[in-house]
Structure formats: C-alpha cells, structure tokens
C-alpha cells in the first residue's frame, strides 16, 4: 500500500528540484547574453571588468534562447533592441 502523503511530498520535492535546475539553466544562459554574472549587476553598480561578448555572439545566444522557448517573443525583442542600441 502506498502512503499518499509521502508520495505527494516526494513528488513536490522532485518538482521543486526540477524548477531549481531550470532556473539555474536559464540564469546561466542569460549570463551568456549579458556577458557577465547577474550577481555583478547588483554590487553597488560597480562595472564588471571581464571581456564582453561580441554583439554578434550576444544576438546569436539571444536567438537560441528564443528558439528553445526559454524567453518570450517580447523578452527577445526588448533585449535585441538593447543590444543593438549599444552599437
């Protein structure tokens, strides 16, 4: 006999772990686009000194995120506009 309470807890735990993995994967991909760790964006406004990715590379990565369904069309358009405005 299966204890439904235990099964529900195990399922909820597994779902939480999957969400956490997905969020980390999205964060990593966004950091690829930004060319810097997200945490550096909130350290008193200090600039991050690592080399930036080229505009072409950032646009390619952005397009890949959209194609994978990791960002919406609106997020894609907004970020693409930001990248191009930096030219």
Protein backbone atom coordinates (compact mmCIF):
# COMPACT_ATOMS: atom_id res chain seq x y z
CA UNK A 1 0.00 0.00 0.00
CA UNK A 2 1.28 3.47 -0.93
CA UNK A 3 1.17 6.31 1.58
CA UNK A 4 -0.27 9.18 -0.48
CA UNK A 5 1.16 11.80 1.86
CA UNK A 6 4.69 10.51 1.40
CA UNK A 7 4.18 10.14 -2.34
CA UNK A 8 2.86 13.70 -2.61
CA UNK A 9 5.82 15.06 -0.62
CA UNK A 10 8.29 13.17 -2.82
CA UNK A 11 6.57 14.46 -5.95
CA UNK A 12 6.59 18.05 -4.66
CA UNK A 13 10.28 17.75 -3.75
CA UNK A 14 11.14 16.40 -7.20
CA UNK A 15 9.18 19.20 -8.88
CA UNK A 16 10.95 21.82 -6.75
CA UNK A 17 14.33 20.37 -7.69
CA UNK A 18 13.43 20.40 -11.38
CA UNK A 19 12.27 24.04 -11.15
CA UNK A 20 15.53 24.95 -9.41
CA UNK A 21 17.58 23.25 -12.15
CA UNK A 22 15.57 25.01 -14.86
CA UNK A 23 16.01 28.40 -13.18
CA UNK A 24 19.76 27.84 -12.91
CA UNK A 25 19.94 26.85 -16.58
CA UNK A 26 18.04 30.00 -17.57
CA UNK A 27 20.27 32.12 -15.35
CA UNK A 28 23.37 30.65 -16.99
CA UNK A 29 22.01 31.37 -20.45
CA UNK A 30 21.06 34.93 -19.51
CA UNK A 31 24.55 35.48 -18.14
CA UNK A 32 25.84 34.32 -21.53
CA UNK A 33 23.80 37.06 -23.21
CA UNK A 34 24.81 39.70 -20.70
CA UNK A 35 28.45 38.72 -20.84
CA UNK A 36 28.70 38.93 -17.07
CA UNK A 37 27.34 37.23 -13.96
CA UNK A 38 23.96 38.51 -12.87
CA UNK A 39 25.27 38.98 -9.32
CA UNK A 40 27.78 41.55 -10.60
CA UNK A 41 24.93 43.72 -11.79
CA UNK A 42 23.87 44.37 -8.19
CA UNK A 43 27.17 45.09 -6.48
CA UNK A 44 26.82 48.80 -5.91
CA UNK A 45 26.72 49.48 -9.62
CA UNK A 46 30.38 48.52 -9.98
CA UNK A 47 31.30 47.61 -13.51
CA UNK A 48 32.39 44.09 -14.24
CA UNK A 49 35.78 44.01 -15.94
CA UNK A 50 35.55 40.71 -17.82
CA UNK A 51 35.63 40.99 -21.59
CA UNK A 52 32.24 41.44 -23.21
CA UNK A 53 30.96 39.04 -25.83
CA UNK A 54 30.70 40.46 -29.31
CA UNK A 55 27.37 41.87 -30.43
CA UNK A 56 27.08 39.06 -32.95
CA UNK A 57 27.63 36.40 -30.27
CA UNK A 58 25.11 38.04 -27.93
CA UNK A 59 22.50 38.18 -30.70
CA UNK A 60 23.14 34.53 -31.61
CA UNK A 61 22.75 33.45 -28.00
CA UNK A 62 19.60 35.54 -27.66
CA UNK A 63 18.15 33.91 -30.77
CA UNK A 64 18.97 30.45 -29.40
CA UNK A 65 17.12 31.25 -26.17
CA UNK A 66 14.07 32.31 -28.17
CA UNK A 67 14.20 29.21 -30.38
CA UNK A 68 14.41 26.97 -27.29
CA UNK A 69 11.38 28.71 -25.82
CA UNK A 70 13.34 29.96 -22.81
CA UNK A 71 12.35 33.57 -23.39
CA UNK A 72 9.21 35.11 -24.83
CA UNK A 73 8.99 36.99 -28.10
CA UNK A 74 8.60 40.20 -26.10
CA UNK A 75 11.70 39.49 -23.99
CA UNK A 76 13.59 38.66 -27.17
CA UNK A 77 12.55 41.90 -28.89
CA UNK A 78 13.36 44.04 -25.84
CA UNK A 79 16.80 42.53 -25.30
CA UNK A 80 17.62 42.61 -29.02
CA UNK A 81 16.77 46.31 -29.09
CA UNK A 82 19.04 46.91 -26.06
CA UNK A 83 21.93 45.05 -27.66
CA UNK A 84 21.61 46.94 -30.94
CA UNK A 85 21.34 50.29 -29.14
CA UNK A 86 24.75 49.60 -27.59
CA UNK A 87 26.39 49.66 -31.04
